[in-house]
C-alpha atoms as a PDB file:
ATOM      1  CA  UNK A   1       7.028  13.035   5.394  1.00  0.00           C
ATOM      2  CA  UNK A   2       4.155  13.589   7.846  1.00  0.00           C
ATOM      3  CA  UNK A   3       1.939  10.693   8.884  1.00  0.00           C
ATOM      4  CA  UNK A   4      -0.720  10.162   6.224  1.00  0.00           C
ATOM      5  CA  UNK A   5      -4.325   9.012   6.529  1.00  0.00           C
ATOM      6  CA  UNK A   6      -6.816   8.168   3.795  1.00  0.00           C
ATOM      7  CA  UNK A   7     -10.483   9.050   3.404  1.00  0.00           C
ATOM      8  CA  UNK A   8     -13.024   8.446   0.642  1.00  0.00           C
ATOM      9  CA  UNK A   9     -14.660  11.792   1.369  1.00  0.00           C
ATOM     10  CA  UNK A  10     -14.064  15.115  -0.421  1.00  0.00           C
ATOM     11  CA  UNK A  11     -11.481  17.320   1.289  1.00  0.00           C
ATOM     12  CA  UNK A  12     -11.023  21.092   1.471  1.00  0.00           C
ATOM     13  CA  UNK A  13      -9.703  23.609   4.017  1.00  0.00           C
ATOM     14  CA  UNK A  14     -11.855  23.732   7.125  1.00  0.00           C
ATOM     15  CA  UNK A  15     -13.186  21.287   9.703  1.00  0.00           C
ATOM     16  CA  UNK A  16     -13.265  17.608   8.738  1.00  0.00           C
ATOM     17  CA  UNK A  17     -14.470  14.552  10.644  1.00  0.00           C
ATOM     18  CA  UNK A  18     -12.503  11.343  10.066  1.00  0.00           C
ATOM     19  CA  UNK A  19     -14.197   8.091  11.046  1.00  0.00           C
ATOM     20  CA  UNK A  20     -13.917   4.362  10.458  1.00  0.00           C
ATOM     21  CA  UNK A  21     -10.705   2.349  10.527  1.00  0.00           C
ATOM     22  CA  UNK A  22      -8.492   5.332   9.767  1.00  0.00           C
ATOM     23  CA  UNK A  23      -9.862   7.269  12.758  1.00  0.00           C
ATOM     24  CA  UNK A  24      -9.272   4.215  14.967  1.00  0.00           C
ATOM     25  CA  UNK A  25      -5.725   3.897  13.663  1.00  0.00           C
ATOM     26  CA  UNK A  26      -5.005   7.613  14.166  1.00  0.00           C
ATOM     27  CA  UNK A  27      -6.491   7.981  17.634  1.00  0.00           C
ATOM     28  CA  UNK A  28      -6.323   4.558  19.276  1.00  0.00           C
ATOM     29  CA  UNK A  29      -3.392   2.804  17.629  1.00  0.00           C
ATOM     30  CA  UNK A  30      -1.091   5.751  16.939  1.00  0.00           C
ATOM     31  CA  UNK A  31      -2.395   7.807  19.893  1.00  0.00           C
ATOM     32  CA  UNK A  32      -2.268  11.180  18.166  1.00  0.00           C
ATOM     33  CA  UNK A  33      -3.590  14.028  20.324  1.00  0.00           C
ATOM     34  CA  UNK A  34      -5.135  17.475  19.780  1.00  0.00           C
ATOM     35  CA  UNK A  35      -2.544  19.845  18.366  1.00  0.00           C
ATOM     36  CA  UNK A  36      -0.683  17.150  16.431  1.00  0.00           C
ATOM     37  CA  UNK A  37      -0.459  17.508  12.661  1.00  0.00           C
ATOM     38  CA  UNK A  38      -1.032  14.874   9.969  1.00  0.00           C
ATOM     39  CA  UNK A  39      -1.707  14.753   6.221  1.00  0.00           C
ATOM     40  CA  UNK A  40      -4.980  13.568   4.704  1.00  0.00           C
ATOM     41  CA  UNK A  41      -5.480  12.376   1.121  1.00  0.00           C
ATOM     42  CA  UNK A  42      -8.414  10.952  -0.812  1.00  0.00           C
ATOM     43  CA  UNK A  43      -6.992   9.922  -4.184  1.00  0.00           C
ATOM     44  CA  UNK A  44      -7.740  13.184  -6.006  1.00  0.00           C
ATOM     45  CA  UNK A  45      -4.036  13.905  -6.511  1.00  0.00           C
ATOM     46  CA  UNK A  46      -3.598  16.461  -3.738  1.00  0.00           C
ATOM     47  CA  UNK A  47      -2.743  16.174  -0.073  1.00  0.00           C
ATOM     48  CA  UNK A  48      -4.253  18.077   2.823  1.00  0.00           C
ATOM     49  CA  UNK A  49      -2.171  19.072   5.874  1.00  0.00           C
ATOM     50  CA  UNK A  50      -4.408  19.050   8.935  1.00  0.00           C
ATOM     51  CA  UNK A  51      -4.294  19.750  12.669  1.00  0.00           C
ATOM     52  CA  UNK A  52      -6.081  17.449  15.094  1.00  0.00           C
ATOM     53  CA  UNK A  53      -8.780  19.252  17.080  1.00  0.00           C
ATOM     54  CA  UNK A  54     -10.343  16.416  19.070  1.00  0.00           C
ATOM     55  CA  UNK A  55      -9.983  12.643  19.336  1.00  0.00           C
ATOM     56  CA  UNK A  56     -12.966  10.431  20.160  1.00  0.00           C
ATOM     57  CA  UNK A  57     -13.496   6.683  20.301  1.00  0.00           C
ATOM     58  CA  UNK A  58     -14.951   6.489  16.787  1.00  0.00           C
ATOM     59  CA  UNK A  59     -14.178   9.865  15.233  1.00  0.00           C
ATOM     60  CA  UNK A  60     -11.361  12.350  14.953  1.00  0.00           C
ATOM     61  CA  UNK A  61     -12.060  16.026  14.294  1.00  0.00           C
ATOM     62  CA  UNK A  62      -9.388  17.816  12.279  1.00  0.00           C
ATOM     63  CA  UNK A  63      -8.874  21.264  10.814  1.00  0.00           C
ATOM     64  CA  UNK A  64      -7.622  21.004   7.237  1.00  0.00           C
ATOM     65  CA  UNK A  65      -5.294  23.966   6.728  1.00  0.00           C
ATOM     66  CA  UNK A  66      -4.515  23.731   2.991  1.00  0.00           C
ATOM     67  CA  UNK A  67      -4.857  21.828  -0.261  1.00  0.00           C
ATOM     68  CA  UNK A  68      -1.379  21.081  -1.592  1.00  0.00           C
ATOM     69  CA  UNK A  69      -0.832  19.806  -5.123  1.00  0.00           C
ATOM     70  CA  UNK A  70       1.892  17.177  -4.958  1.00  0.00           C
ATOM     71  CA  UNK A  71       2.400  15.085  -8.090  1.00  0.00           C
ATOM     72  CA  UNK A  72       4.399  11.905  -7.468  1.00  0.00           C
ATOM     73  CA  UNK A  73       2.989   9.974 -10.425  1.00  0.00           C
ATOM     74  CA  UNK A  74       4.747   8.460 -13.442  1.00  0.00           C
ATOM     75  CA  UNK A  75       3.765  10.711 -16.408  1.00  0.00           C
ATOM     76  CA  UNK A  76       1.936   7.942 -18.312  1.00  0.00           C
ATOM     77  CA  UNK A  77      -0.312   4.964 -17.517  1.00  0.00           C
ATOM     78  CA  UNK A  78       1.320   1.668 -16.560  1.00  0.00           C
ATOM     79  CA  UNK A  79      -1.151  -1.234 -16.667  1.00  0.00           C
ATOM     80  CA  UNK A  80      -0.058  -4.583 -15.236  1.00  0.00           C
ATOM     81  CA  UNK A  81      -2.212  -7.631 -15.944  1.00  0.00           C
ATOM     82  CA  UNK A  82      -0.960 -10.581 -13.960  1.00  0.00           C
ATOM     83  CA  UNK A  83      -1.883 -14.015 -12.732  1.00  0.00           C
ATOM     84  CA  UNK A  84      -1.996 -13.946  -8.942  1.00  0.00           C
ATOM     85  CA  UNK A  85       0.784 -15.334  -6.774  1.00  0.00           C
ATOM     86  CA  UNK A  86      -0.143 -17.209  -3.638  1.00  0.00           C
ATOM     87  CA  UNK A  87      -0.804 -15.889  -0.122  1.00  0.00           C
ATOM     88  CA  UNK A  88       1.311 -13.014   1.177  1.00  0.00           C
ATOM     89  CA  UNK A  89       3.232 -12.739  -2.096  1.00  0.00           C
ATOM     90  CA  UNK A  90       0.167 -10.976  -3.530  1.00  0.00           C
ATOM     91  CA  UNK A  91       0.377  -8.343  -0.783  1.00  0.00           C
ATOM     92  CA  UNK A  92       4.010  -7.829  -1.730  1.00  0.00           C
ATOM     93  CA  UNK A  93       3.094  -7.538  -5.419  1.00  0.00           C
ATOM     94  CA  UNK A  94       0.430  -4.878  -4.827  1.00  0.00           C
ATOM     95  CA  UNK A  95       2.627  -2.931  -2.421  1.00  0.00           C
ATOM     96  CA  UNK A  96       5.573  -2.779  -4.814  1.00  0.00           C
ATOM     97  CA  UNK A  97       3.457  -1.949  -7.874  1.00  0.00           C
ATOM     98  CA  UNK A  98       2.083   1.034  -5.963  1.00  0.00           C
ATOM     99  CA  UNK A  99       5.573   2.099  -4.900  1.00  0.00           C
ATOM    100  CA  UNK A 100       7.046   2.020  -8.410  1.00  0.00           C
ATOM    101  CA  UNK A 101       4.125   3.874 -10.009  1.00  0.00           C
ATOM    102  CA  UNK A 102       1.799   1.363 -11.695  1.00  0.00           C
ATOM    103  CA  UNK A 103      -1.592   2.945 -12.331  1.00  0.00           C
ATOM    104  CA  UNK A 104      -3.798  -0.111 -12.889  1.00  0.00           C
ATOM    105  CA  UNK A 105      -3.670  -3.775 -11.888  1.00  0.00           C
ATOM    106  CA  UNK A 106      -5.720  -6.480 -13.628  1.00  0.00           C
ATOM    107  CA  UNK A 107      -5.873  -9.952 -12.012  1.00  0.00           C
ATOM    108  CA  UNK A 108      -5.601 -12.436 -14.887  1.00  0.00           C
ATOM    109  CA  UNK A 109      -7.212 -15.848 -15.214  1.00  0.00           C
ATOM    110  CA  UNK A 110      -5.009 -17.995 -17.449  1.00  0.00           C
ATOM    111  CA  UNK A 111      -4.850 -21.625 -18.485  1.00  0.00           C
ATOM    112  CA  UNK A 112      -2.401 -22.443 -15.693  1.00  0.00           C
ATOM    113  CA  UNK A 113      -3.685 -20.097 -12.961  1.00  0.00           C
ATOM    114  CA  UNK A 114      -3.755 -21.682  -9.524  1.00  0.00           C
ATOM    115  CA  UNK A 115      -4.346 -18.822  -7.051  1.00  0.00           C
ATOM    116  CA  UNK A 116      -7.893 -17.922  -5.972  1.00  0.00           C
ATOM    117  CA  UNK A 117      -9.115 -14.872  -7.903  1.00  0.00           C
ATOM    118  CA  UNK A 118     -12.588 -14.242  -6.474  1.00  0.00           C
ATOM    119  CA  UNK A 119     -13.896 -10.751  -7.186  1.00  0.00           C
ATOM    120  CA  UNK A 120     -15.014 -10.298  -3.568  1.00  0.00           C
ATOM    121  CA  UNK A 121     -11.373 -10.088  -2.543  1.00  0.00           C
ATOM    122  CA  UNK A 122     -10.984  -6.780  -4.371  1.00  0.00           C
ATOM    123  CA  UNK A 123     -11.911  -4.788  -1.240  1.00  0.00           C
ATOM    124  CA  UNK A 124      -9.016  -6.441   0.640  1.00  0.00           C
ATOM    125  CA  UNK A 125      -6.671  -5.759  -2.272  1.00  0.00           C
ATOM    126  CA  UNK A 126      -7.761  -2.114  -2.383  1.00  0.00           C
ATOM    127  CA  UNK A 127      -6.941  -1.793   1.303  1.00  0.00           C
ATOM    128  CA  UNK A 128      -3.415  -2.984   0.510  1.00  0.00           C
ATOM    129  CA  UNK A 129      -3.184  -0.286  -2.174  1.00  0.00           C
ATOM    130  CA  UNK A 130      -4.254   2.395   0.319  1.00  0.00           C
ATOM    131  CA  UNK A 131      -1.698   1.267   2.899  1.00  0.00           C
ATOM    132  CA  UNK A 132       1.078   1.278   0.296  1.00  0.00           C
ATOM    133  CA  UNK A 133       0.014   4.728  -0.924  1.00  0.00           C
ATOM    134  CA  UNK A 134       0.079   6.073   2.641  1.00  0.00           C
ATOM    135  CA  UNK A 135       3.641   4.831   3.027  1.00  0.00           C
ATOM    136  CA  UNK A 136       5.130   5.901  -0.307  1.00  0.00           C
ATOM    137  CA  UNK A 137       3.412   9.270  -0.665  1.00  0.00           C
ATOM    138  CA  UNK A 138       1.249   8.673  -3.723  1.00  0.00           C
ATOM    139  CA  UNK A 139      -1.901  10.772  -3.799  1.00  0.00           C
ATOM    140  CA  UNK A 140      -3.658   8.791  -6.539  1.00  0.00           C
ATOM    141  CA  UNK A 141      -4.631   5.187  -5.925  1.00  0.00           C
ATOM    142  CA  UNK A 142      -3.664   2.366  -8.254  1.00  0.00           C
ATOM    143  CA  UNK A 143      -6.903   0.996  -9.740  1.00  0.00           C
ATOM    144  CA  UNK A 144      -7.674  -2.704  -9.312  1.00  0.00           C
ATOM    145  CA  UNK A 145      -9.951  -4.321 -11.902  1.00  0.00           C
ATOM    146  CA  UNK A 146     -12.141  -7.356 -11.373  1.00  0.00           C
ATOM    147  CA  UNK A 147     -10.460 -10.640 -12.365  1.00  0.00           C
ATOM    148  CA  UNK A 148     -10.396 -11.023 -16.148  1.00  0.00           C
ATOM    149  CA  UNK A 149      -9.553 -13.854 -18.515  1.00  0.00           C
ATOM    150  CA  UNK A 150      -6.342 -13.443 -20.476  1.00  0.00           C
ATOM    151  CA  UNK A 151      -8.351 -13.591 -23.714  1.00  0.00           C
ATOM    152  CA  UNK A 152     -10.492 -10.649 -22.605  1.00  0.00           C
ATOM    153  CA  UNK A 153      -7.490  -8.689 -21.336  1.00  0.00           C
ATOM    154  CA  UNK A 154      -5.619  -9.044 -24.633  1.00  0.00           C
ATOM    155  CA  UNK A 155      -8.397  -7.210 -26.495  1.00  0.00           C
ATOM    156  CA  UNK A 156      -9.405  -4.837 -23.685  1.00  0.00           C
ATOM    157  CA  UNK A 157      -8.859  -1.099 -23.454  1.00  0.00           C
ATOM    158  CA  UNK A 158      -5.158  -0.986 -22.578  1.00  0.00           C
ATOM    159  CA  UNK A 159      -2.405   1.293 -23.914  1.00  0.00           C
ATOM    160  CA  UNK A 160      -1.084   0.647 -27.425  1.00  0.00           C
ATOM    161  CA  UNK A 161       2.415  -0.210 -26.179  1.00  0.00           C
ATOM    162  CA  UNK A 162       1.917  -3.700 -24.753  1.00  0.00           C
ATOM    163  CA  UNK A 163       4.135  -6.648 -23.928  1.00  0.00           C
ATOM    164  CA  UNK A 164       3.536 -10.263 -22.886  1.00  0.00           C
ATOM    165  CA  UNK A 165       6.329 -11.601 -20.707  1.00  0.00           C
ATOM    166  CA  UNK A 166       7.884 -15.036 -21.116  1.00  0.00           C
ATOM    167  CA  UNK A 167      11.409 -16.421 -21.015  1.00  0.00           C
ATOM    168  CA  UNK A 168      11.579 -17.130 -24.758  1.00  0.00           C
ATOM    169  CA  UNK A 169      10.671 -13.554 -25.673  1.00  0.00           C
ATOM    170  CA  UNK A 170      13.052 -10.902 -26.957  1.00  0.00           C
ATOM    171  CA  UNK A 171      15.463  -9.762 -24.252  1.00  0.00           C
ATOM    172  CA  UNK A 172      15.691  -6.085 -25.099  1.00  0.00           C
ATOM    173  CA  UNK A 173      13.339  -3.234 -25.863  1.00  0.00           C
ATOM    174  CA  UNK A 174      12.073  -3.238 -29.458  1.00  0.00           C
ATOM    175  CA  UNK A 175      12.849   0.473 -29.565  1.00  0.00           C
ATOM    176  CA  UNK A 176       9.271   1.697 -29.330  1.00  0.00           C
ATOM    177  CA  UNK A 177       9.100   4.680 -26.967  1.00  0.00           C
ATOM    178  CA  UNK A 178       6.443   4.840 -24.301  1.00  0.00           C
ATOM    179  CA  UNK A 179       4.480   7.920 -25.279  1.00  0.00           C
ATOM    180  CA  UNK A 180       3.298   9.987 -22.331  1.00  0.00           C
ATOM    181  CA  UNK A 181      -0.288  10.181 -23.540  1.00  0.00           C
ATOM    182  CA  UNK A 182      -0.542   6.456 -24.312  1.00  0.00           C
ATOM    183  CA  UNK A 183       1.438   4.569 -21.675  1.00  0.00           C
ATOM    184  CA  UNK A 184       2.026   0.813 -21.705  1.00  0.00           C
ATOM    185  CA  UNK A 185       0.628  -2.515 -20.581  1.00  0.00           C
ATOM    186  CA  UNK A 186       2.074  -5.884 -19.558  1.00  0.00           C
ATOM    187  CA  UNK A 187       0.764  -9.428 -19.285  1.00  0.00           C
ATOM    188  CA  UNK A 188       2.459 -11.609 -16.646  1.00  0.00           C
ATOM    189  CA  UNK A 189       1.774 -15.329 -16.497  1.00  0.00           C
ATOM    190  CA  UNK A 190       1.250 -17.812 -13.634  1.00  0.00           C
ATOM    191  CA  UNK A 191       3.863 -20.054 -12.019  1.00  0.00           C
ATOM    192  CA  UNK A 192       3.752 -22.462 -14.936  1.00  0.00           C
ATOM    193  CA  UNK A 193       3.984 -19.656 -17.485  1.00  0.00           C
ATOM    194  CA  UNK A 194       1.712 -18.893 -20.412  1.00  0.00           C
ATOM    195  CA  UNK A 195       0.871 -21.705 -22.810  1.00  0.00           C
ATOM    196  CA  UNK A 196       2.165 -21.550 -26.371  1.00  0.00           C
ATOM    197  CA  UNK A 197      -1.412 -20.929 -27.524  1.00  0.00           C
ATOM    198  CA  UNK A 198      -1.781 -17.961 -25.153  1.00  0.00           C
ATOM    199  CA  UNK A 199       1.473 -16.413 -26.353  1.00  0.00           C
ATOM    200  CA  UNK A 200       0.472 -16.861 -29.975  1.00  0.00           C
ATOM    201  CA  UNK A 201      -2.934 -15.335 -29.285  1.00  0.00           C
ATOM    202  CA  UNK A 202      -1.256 -12.308 -27.708  1.00  0.00           C
ATOM    203  CA  UNK A 203       1.001 -11.811 -30.712  1.00  0.00           C
ATOM    204  CA  UNK A 204      -1.960 -12.022 -33.073  1.00  0.00           C
ATOM    205  CA  UNK A 205      -3.686  -9.214 -31.164  1.00  0.00           C
ATOM    206  CA  UNK A 206      -0.714  -6.850 -31.323  1.00  0.00           C
ATOM    207  CA  UNK A 207       1.241  -7.736 -28.187  1.00  0.00           C
ATOM    208  CA  UNK A 208       5.036  -7.935 -28.363  1.00  0.00           C
ATOM    209  CA  UNK A 209       6.899 -10.642 -26.479  1.00  0.00           C
ATOM    210  CA  UNK A 210       9.486  -9.629 -23.895  1.00  0.00           C
ATOM    211  CA  UNK A 211      11.915 -11.426 -21.581  1.00  0.00           C
ATOM    212  CA  UNK A 212      14.025 -10.073 -18.749  1.00  0.00           C
ATOM    213  CA  UNK A 213      16.610 -12.811 -19.149  1.00  0.00           C
ATOM    214  CA  UNK A 214      16.987 -16.587 -19.097  1.00  0.00           C
ATOM    215  CA  UNK A 215      16.188 -17.009 -15.400  1.00  0.00           C
ATOM    216  CA  UNK A 216      12.612 -17.802 -14.417  1.00  0.00           C
ATOM    217  CA  UNK A 217      11.209 -15.007 -12.242  1.00  0.00           C
ATOM    218  CA  UNK A 218       8.423 -15.366  -9.739  1.00  0.00           C
ATOM    219  CA  UNK A 219       5.131 -13.749 -10.713  1.00  0.00           C
ATOM    220  CA  UNK A 220       5.562 -10.812  -8.349  1.00  0.00           C
ATOM    221  CA  UNK A 221       9.182 -10.292  -9.375  1.00  0.00           C
ATOM    222  CA  UNK A 222       8.372 -10.211 -13.086  1.00  0.00           C
ATOM    223  CA  UNK A 223       5.445  -7.821 -12.612  1.00  0.00           C
ATOM    224  CA  UNK A 224       7.434  -5.367 -10.498  1.00  0.00           C
ATOM    225  CA  UNK A 225      10.483  -5.506 -12.794  1.00  0.00           C
ATOM    226  CA  UNK A 226       8.201  -4.758 -15.759  1.00  0.00           C
ATOM    227  CA  UNK A 227       6.674  -1.737 -14.020  1.00  0.00           C
ATOM    228  CA  UNK A 228      10.115  -0.391 -13.065  1.00  0.00           C
ATOM    229  CA  UNK A 229      11.378  -0.992 -16.601  1.00  0.00           C
ATOM    230  CA  UNK A 230       8.491   1.071 -17.951  1.00  0.00           C
ATOM    231  CA  UNK A 231       8.602   3.804 -15.307  1.00  0.00           C
ATOM    232  CA  UNK A 232      12.261   4.420 -16.086  1.00  0.00           C
ATOM    233  CA  UNK A 233      11.631   4.749 -19.826  1.00  0.00           C
ATOM    234  CA  UNK A 234      12.887   1.243 -20.684  1.00  0.00           C
END
């Protein structure tokens, strides 16, 4: 796969000027030169092969040669609401959710949450999503919501097929297929797990309980396993 670079701007065949951090990375860090070819994408679902025309200190001029439809998405929404793990484990969580096909991530505030969930960090988290998308070839970006309380998430606009994860939950699929037009959602708790009251509240609002076995998984492990479980049709 060709080297990929992201832009927020609309793309189409013809001349395009790339600036900002991606231009710096392309020209200064990676030292691409005129005549080299790369792929641009902007989250619209397509990718845009391009030839480098000129490299400056702050801008790179490219000639986009085509718009190529390249669908690498799971055919239904996968929403993962999760308490945040600490430090670099969050970077790992976001990276792997992008790789396995999750479409939306909701940072959850729960009774036992300990990690900092300030909304101003979303820009940093979105950068992690872009970097993961560049690496794995996705042309649509996983959406990151603002931090939300578990109570609000349980009654929010998520797919009808929804599971709350905890070790005492059922250990196999309840046999409900994930319909392509509806998708699925998960709720993943903090290090100390969900409280009994939170689990009961989820059940009362239509969530099914689910466990991936008797061993206690880290937050990021449980979230990624859930997304893989869904992406592979349970």
